[in-house]
Amino acid sequence: MIYLASPYGHADPVVREKRYREACRCAADLMRAGHHVFSPIAHSHGIAEHGVPGQWAYWEGFDRKCLQMCDELAVLMLDGWRQSTGVQAEIRMARELGKPITYVRRKADIANALGTP
Protein backbone atom coordinates (compact mmCIF):
# COMPACT_ATOMS: atom_id res chain seq x y z
CA MET A 1 0.00 0.00 0.00
CA ILE A 2 1.21 3.48 -0.86
CA TYR A 3 0.91 6.37 1.60
CA LEU A 4 0.49 9.51 -0.51
CA ALA A 5 1.83 12.57 1.30
CA SER A 6 0.94 16.02 0.00
CA PRO A 7 0.72 19.54 1.43
CA TYR A 8 -2.66 20.73 2.64
CA GLY A 9 -2.65 23.49 5.26
CA HIS A 10 -2.86 27.08 4.06
CA ALA A 11 -4.54 30.29 5.23
CA ASP A 12 -6.47 30.48 1.94
CA PRO A 13 -9.31 27.92 1.71
CA VAL A 14 -9.05 28.03 -2.10
CA VAL A 15 -5.46 26.74 -1.86
CA ARG A 16 -6.53 23.98 0.55
CA GLU A 17 -9.31 22.93 -1.83
CA LYS A 18 -6.90 22.87 -4.79
CA ARG A 19 -4.41 20.76 -2.83
CA TYR A 20 -7.20 18.37 -1.84
CA ARG A 21 -8.29 17.96 -5.45
CA GLU A 22 -4.71 17.35 -6.62
CA ALA A 23 -4.23 14.70 -3.93
CA CYS A 24 -7.46 13.01 -5.06
CA ARG A 25 -6.37 13.15 -8.70
CA CYS A 26 -3.00 11.59 -7.90
CA ALA A 27 -4.55 8.91 -5.68
CA ALA A 28 -7.02 8.07 -8.47
CA ASP A 29 -4.17 7.79 -10.99
CA LEU A 30 -2.36 5.39 -8.69
CA MET A 31 -5.51 3.36 -8.06
CA ARG A 32 -6.27 3.12 -11.79
CA ALA A 33 -2.72 1.79 -12.18
CA GLY A 34 -3.60 -0.98 -9.73
CA HIS A 35 -2.07 0.34 -6.52
CA HIS A 36 -3.71 0.47 -3.11
CA VAL A 37 -3.42 4.03 -1.81
CA PHE A 38 -4.01 5.90 1.41
CA SER A 39 -4.02 9.67 1.04
CA PRO A 40 -4.49 11.44 4.38
CA ILE A 41 -5.63 14.56 2.54
CA ALA A 42 -8.10 12.81 0.23
CA HIS A 43 -9.43 10.68 3.07
CA SER A 44 -9.62 13.43 5.73
CA HIS A 45 -10.54 16.68 3.94
CA GLY A 46 -14.28 16.11 4.31
CA ILE A 47 -13.90 15.25 7.98
CA ALA A 48 -11.80 18.36 8.64
CA GLU A 49 -14.60 20.49 7.17
CA HIS A 50 -16.77 19.40 10.12
CA GLY A 51 -14.73 20.99 12.86
CA VAL A 52 -11.87 18.56 13.30
CA PRO A 53 -8.59 20.49 13.60
CA GLY A 54 -6.48 20.63 10.47
CA GLN A 55 -3.13 21.13 12.18
CA TRP A 56 -0.40 18.52 12.02
CA ALA A 57 -0.30 18.22 15.82
CA TYR A 58 -3.83 16.78 15.72
CA TRP A 59 -3.25 14.35 12.82
CA GLU A 60 0.30 13.21 13.61
CA GLY A 61 -0.59 10.09 15.62
CA PHE A 62 -3.25 9.00 13.14
CA ASP A 63 -0.96 9.49 10.15
CA ARG A 64 1.91 7.66 11.86
CA LYS A 65 -0.32 4.60 12.38
CA CYS A 66 -1.42 4.71 8.75
CA LEU A 67 2.14 5.07 7.48
CA GLN A 68 3.20 2.10 9.61
CA MET A 69 0.63 -0.03 7.77
CA CYS A 70 1.80 1.13 4.32
CA ASP A 71 4.67 -0.32 2.31
CA GLU A 72 6.03 2.94 0.95
CA LEU A 73 5.67 6.72 0.90
CA ALA A 74 5.00 8.73 -2.25
CA VAL A 75 5.38 12.50 -1.89
CA LEU A 76 3.26 14.60 -4.23
CA MET A 77 5.43 17.62 -4.92
CA LEU A 78 2.75 20.31 -5.05
CA ASP A 79 3.70 23.92 -4.33
CA GLY A 80 4.48 24.13 -0.64
CA TRP A 81 5.55 20.51 -0.10
CA ARG A 82 8.99 21.52 1.15
CA GLN A 83 7.48 23.97 3.66
CA SER A 84 4.72 21.63 4.80
CA THR A 85 5.19 20.59 8.42
CA GLY A 86 3.11 17.45 7.81
CA VAL A 87 4.88 16.34 4.63
CA GLN A 88 8.32 16.85 6.16
CA ALA A 89 7.26 14.91 9.26
CA GLU A 90 5.86 12.10 7.09
CA ILE A 91 9.19 11.90 5.25
CA ARG A 92 11.05 11.68 8.58
CA MET A 93 8.64 9.01 9.82
CA ALA A 94 9.04 6.97 6.63
CA ARG A 95 12.83 7.12 7.01
CA GLU A 96 12.57 6.03 10.67
CA LEU A 97 10.37 3.13 9.61
CA GLY A 98 12.66 2.15 6.73
CA LYS A 99 9.97 2.78 4.10
CA PRO A 100 11.02 3.56 0.51
CA ILE A 101 10.22 7.13 -0.55
CA THR A 102 9.29 8.25 -4.06
CA TYR A 103 8.85 11.87 -5.13
CA VAL A 104 6.27 12.55 -7.85
CA ARG A 105 5.17 15.66 -9.73
CA ARG A 106 2.64 14.37 -12.24
CA LYS A 107 1.04 11.24 -13.66
CA ALA A 108 4.08 10.23 -15.74
CA ASP A 109 6.27 10.33 -12.63
CA ILE A 110 3.90 7.98 -10.87
CA ALA A 111 3.99 5.37 -13.60
CA ASN A 112 7.77 5.58 -14.00
CA ALA A 113 8.69 5.73 -10.33
CA LEU A 114 6.25 3.25 -8.87
CA GLY A 115 5.64 0.94 -11.81
CA THR A 116 2.92 -1.65 -11.68
CA PRO A 117 1.90 -3.34 -8.47
C-alpha atoms as a PDB file:
ATOM      1  CA  MET A   1       0.000   0.000   0.000  1.00  0.00           C
ATOM      2  CA  ILE A   2       1.207   3.484  -0.858  1.00  0.00           C
ATOM      3  CA  TYR A   3       0.913   6.368   1.595  1.00  0.00           C
ATOM      4  CA  LEU A   4       0.494   9.507  -0.506  1.00  0.00           C
ATOM      5  CA  ALA A   5       1.830  12.572   1.298  1.00  0.00           C
ATOM      6  CA  SER A   6       0.935  16.019   0.003  1.00  0.00           C
ATOM      7  CA  PRO A   7       0.718  19.537   1.432  1.00  0.00           C
ATOM      8  CA  TYR A   8      -2.659  20.735   2.640  1.00  0.00           C
ATOM      9  CA  GLY A   9      -2.651  23.491   5.259  1.00  0.00           C
ATOM     10  CA  HIS A  10      -2.863  27.078   4.059  1.00  0.00           C
ATOM     11  CA  ALA A  11      -4.541  30.292   5.231  1.00  0.00           C
ATOM     12  CA  ASP A  12      -6.475  30.482   1.940  1.00  0.00           C
ATOM     13  CA  PRO A  13      -9.308  27.917   1.706  1.00  0.00           C
ATOM     14  CA  VAL A  14      -9.045  28.029  -2.099  1.00  0.00           C
ATOM     15  CA  VAL A  15      -5.462  26.745  -1.862  1.00  0.00           C
ATOM     16  CA  ARG A  16      -6.535  23.979   0.549  1.00  0.00           C
ATOM     17  CA  GLU A  17      -9.309  22.928  -1.827  1.00  0.00           C
ATOM     18  CA  LYS A  18      -6.901  22.873  -4.789  1.00  0.00           C
ATOM     19  CA  ARG A  19      -4.415  20.757  -2.835  1.00  0.00           C
ATOM     20  CA  TYR A  20      -7.199  18.375  -1.836  1.00  0.00           C
ATOM     21  CA  ARG A  21      -8.287  17.965  -5.452  1.00  0.00           C
ATOM     22  CA  GLU A  22      -4.714  17.351  -6.623  1.00  0.00           C
ATOM     23  CA  ALA A  23      -4.234  14.701  -3.934  1.00  0.00           C
ATOM     24  CA  CYS A  24      -7.461  13.014  -5.057  1.00  0.00           C
ATOM     25  CA  ARG A  25      -6.375  13.148  -8.701  1.00  0.00           C
ATOM     26  CA  CYS A  26      -3.000  11.594  -7.905  1.00  0.00           C
ATOM     27  CA  ALA A  27      -4.550   8.907  -5.680  1.00  0.00           C
ATOM     28  CA  ALA A  28      -7.016   8.071  -8.465  1.00  0.00           C
ATOM     29  CA  ASP A  29      -4.170   7.793 -10.994  1.00  0.00           C
ATOM     30  CA  LEU A  30      -2.363   5.390  -8.688  1.00  0.00           C
ATOM     31  CA  MET A  31      -5.507   3.363  -8.061  1.00  0.00           C
ATOM     32  CA  ARG A  32      -6.268   3.116 -11.792  1.00  0.00           C
ATOM     33  CA  ALA A  33      -2.724   1.793 -12.184  1.00  0.00           C
ATOM     34  CA  GLY A  34      -3.604  -0.984  -9.731  1.00  0.00           C
ATOM     35  CA  HIS A  35      -2.067   0.343  -6.517  1.00  0.00           C
ATOM     36  CA  HIS A  36      -3.714   0.472  -3.113  1.00  0.00           C
ATOM     37  CA  VAL A  37      -3.424   4.028  -1.812  1.00  0.00           C
ATOM     38  CA  PHE A  38      -4.009   5.896   1.407  1.00  0.00           C
ATOM     39  CA  SER A  39      -4.022   9.672   1.044  1.00  0.00           C
ATOM     40  CA  PRO A  40      -4.487  11.436   4.376  1.00  0.00           C
ATOM     41  CA  ILE A  41      -5.632  14.557   2.536  1.00  0.00           C
ATOM     42  CA  ALA A  42      -8.102  12.810   0.231  1.00  0.00           C
ATOM     43  CA  HIS A  43      -9.430  10.685   3.073  1.00  0.00           C
ATOM     44  CA  SER A  44      -9.624  13.429   5.730  1.00  0.00           C
ATOM     45  CA  HIS A  45     -10.536  16.684   3.942  1.00  0.00           C
ATOM     46  CA  GLY A  46     -14.281  16.114   4.309  1.00  0.00           C
ATOM     47  CA  ILE A  47     -13.904  15.255   7.976  1.00  0.00           C
ATOM     48  CA  ALA A  48     -11.803  18.364   8.636  1.00  0.00           C
ATOM     49  CA  GLU A  49     -14.605  20.492   7.172  1.00  0.00           C
ATOM     50  CA  HIS A  50     -16.773  19.404  10.121  1.00  0.00           C
ATOM     51  CA  GLY A  51     -14.728  20.995  12.858  1.00  0.00           C
ATOM     52  CA  VAL A  52     -11.866  18.556  13.295  1.00  0.00           C
ATOM     53  CA  PRO A  53      -8.594  20.485  13.604  1.00  0.00           C
ATOM     54  CA  GLY A  54      -6.481  20.632  10.465  1.00  0.00           C
ATOM     55  CA  GLN A  55      -3.133  21.129  12.180  1.00  0.00           C
ATOM     56  CA  TRP A  56      -0.401  18.518  12.023  1.00  0.00           C
ATOM     57  CA  ALA A  57      -0.302  18.218  15.818  1.00  0.00           C
ATOM     58  CA  TYR A  58      -3.826  16.777  15.723  1.00  0.00           C
ATOM     59  CA  TRP A  59      -3.247  14.350  12.824  1.00  0.00           C
ATOM     60  CA  GLU A  60       0.300  13.211  13.610  1.00  0.00           C
ATOM     61  CA  GLY A  61      -0.590  10.092  15.620  1.00  0.00           C
ATOM     62  CA  PHE A  62      -3.250   9.004  13.144  1.00  0.00           C
ATOM     63  CA  ASP A  63      -0.955   9.494  10.153  1.00  0.00           C
ATOM     64  CA  ARG A  64       1.913   7.659  11.862  1.00  0.00           C
ATOM     65  CA  LYS A  65      -0.324   4.602  12.379  1.00  0.00           C
ATOM     66  CA  CYS A  66      -1.420   4.711   8.749  1.00  0.00           C
ATOM     67  CA  LEU A  67       2.140   5.074   7.481  1.00  0.00           C
ATOM     68  CA  GLN A  68       3.201   2.096   9.609  1.00  0.00           C
ATOM     69  CA  MET A  69       0.632  -0.027   7.766  1.00  0.00           C
ATOM     70  CA  CYS A  70       1.799   1.127   4.324  1.00  0.00           C
ATOM     71  CA  ASP A  71       4.668  -0.316   2.306  1.00  0.00           C
ATOM     72  CA  GLU A  72       6.027   2.942   0.950  1.00  0.00           C
ATOM     73  CA  LEU A  73       5.666   6.715   0.898  1.00  0.00           C
ATOM     74  CA  ALA A  74       4.996   8.727  -2.247  1.00  0.00           C
ATOM     75  CA  VAL A  75       5.382  12.497  -1.892  1.00  0.00           C
ATOM     76  CA  LEU A  76       3.259  14.597  -4.233  1.00  0.00           C
ATOM     77  CA  MET A  77       5.428  17.624  -4.916  1.00  0.00           C
ATOM     78  CA  LEU A  78       2.745  20.313  -5.048  1.00  0.00           C
ATOM     79  CA  ASP A  79       3.697  23.916  -4.327  1.00  0.00           C
ATOM     80  CA  GLY A  80       4.476  24.125  -0.645  1.00  0.00           C
ATOM     81  CA  TRP A  81       5.548  20.514  -0.101  1.00  0.00           C
ATOM     82  CA  ARG A  82       8.994  21.523   1.148  1.00  0.00           C
ATOM     83  CA  GLN A  83       7.481  23.974   3.659  1.00  0.00           C
ATOM     84  CA  SER A  84       4.723  21.629   4.800  1.00  0.00           C
ATOM     85  CA  THR A  85       5.186  20.594   8.420  1.00  0.00           C
ATOM     86  CA  GLY A  86       3.113  17.452   7.806  1.00  0.00           C
ATOM     87  CA  VAL A  87       4.882  16.337   4.635  1.00  0.00           C
ATOM     88  CA  GLN A  88       8.319  16.852   6.161  1.00  0.00           C
ATOM     89  CA  ALA A  89       7.255  14.911   9.264  1.00  0.00           C
ATOM     90  CA  GLU A  90       5.857  12.098   7.090  1.00  0.00           C
ATOM     91  CA  ILE A  91       9.192  11.899   5.246  1.00  0.00           C
ATOM     92  CA  ARG A  92      11.048  11.678   8.585  1.00  0.00           C
ATOM     93  CA  MET A  93       8.643   9.007   9.823  1.00  0.00           C
ATOM     94  CA  ALA A  94       9.042   6.968   6.631  1.00  0.00           C
ATOM     95  CA  ARG A  95      12.828   7.116   7.009  1.00  0.00           C
ATOM     96  CA  GLU A  96      12.574   6.035  10.667  1.00  0.00           C
ATOM     97  CA  LEU A  97      10.366   3.130   9.613  1.00  0.00           C
ATOM     98  CA  GLY A  98      12.665   2.146   6.725  1.00  0.00           C
ATOM     99  CA  LYS A  99       9.974   2.779   4.097  1.00  0.00           C
ATOM    100  CA  PRO A 100      11.018   3.556   0.512  1.00  0.00           C
ATOM    101  CA  ILE A 101      10.223   7.126  -0.547  1.00  0.00           C
ATOM    102  CA  THR A 102       9.290   8.248  -4.064  1.00  0.00           C
ATOM    103  CA  TYR A 103       8.846  11.874  -5.131  1.00  0.00           C
ATOM    104  CA  VAL A 104       6.266  12.554  -7.850  1.00  0.00           C
ATOM    105  CA  ARG A 105       5.168  15.656  -9.727  1.00  0.00           C
ATOM    106  CA  ARG A 106       2.636  14.370 -12.244  1.00  0.00           C
ATOM    107  CA  LYS A 107       1.037  11.242 -13.655  1.00  0.00           C
ATOM    108  CA  ALA A 108       4.084  10.230 -15.742  1.00  0.00           C
ATOM    109  CA  ASP A 109       6.272  10.326 -12.625  1.00  0.00           C
ATOM    110  CA  ILE A 110       3.898   7.984 -10.866  1.00  0.00           C
ATOM    111  CA  ALA A 111       3.988   5.367 -13.602  1.00  0.00           C
ATOM    112  CA  ASN A 112       7.767   5.581 -14.001  1.00  0.00           C
ATOM    113  CA  ALA A 113       8.692   5.726 -10.326  1.00  0.00           C
ATOM    114  CA  LEU A 114       6.254   3.249  -8.873  1.00  0.00           C
ATOM    115  CA  GLY A 115       5.640   0.941 -11.815  1.00  0.00           C
ATOM    116  CA  THR A 116       2.920  -1.648 -11.677  1.00  0.00           C
ATOM    117  CA  PRO A 117       1.900  -3.345  -8.473  1.00  0.00           C
END
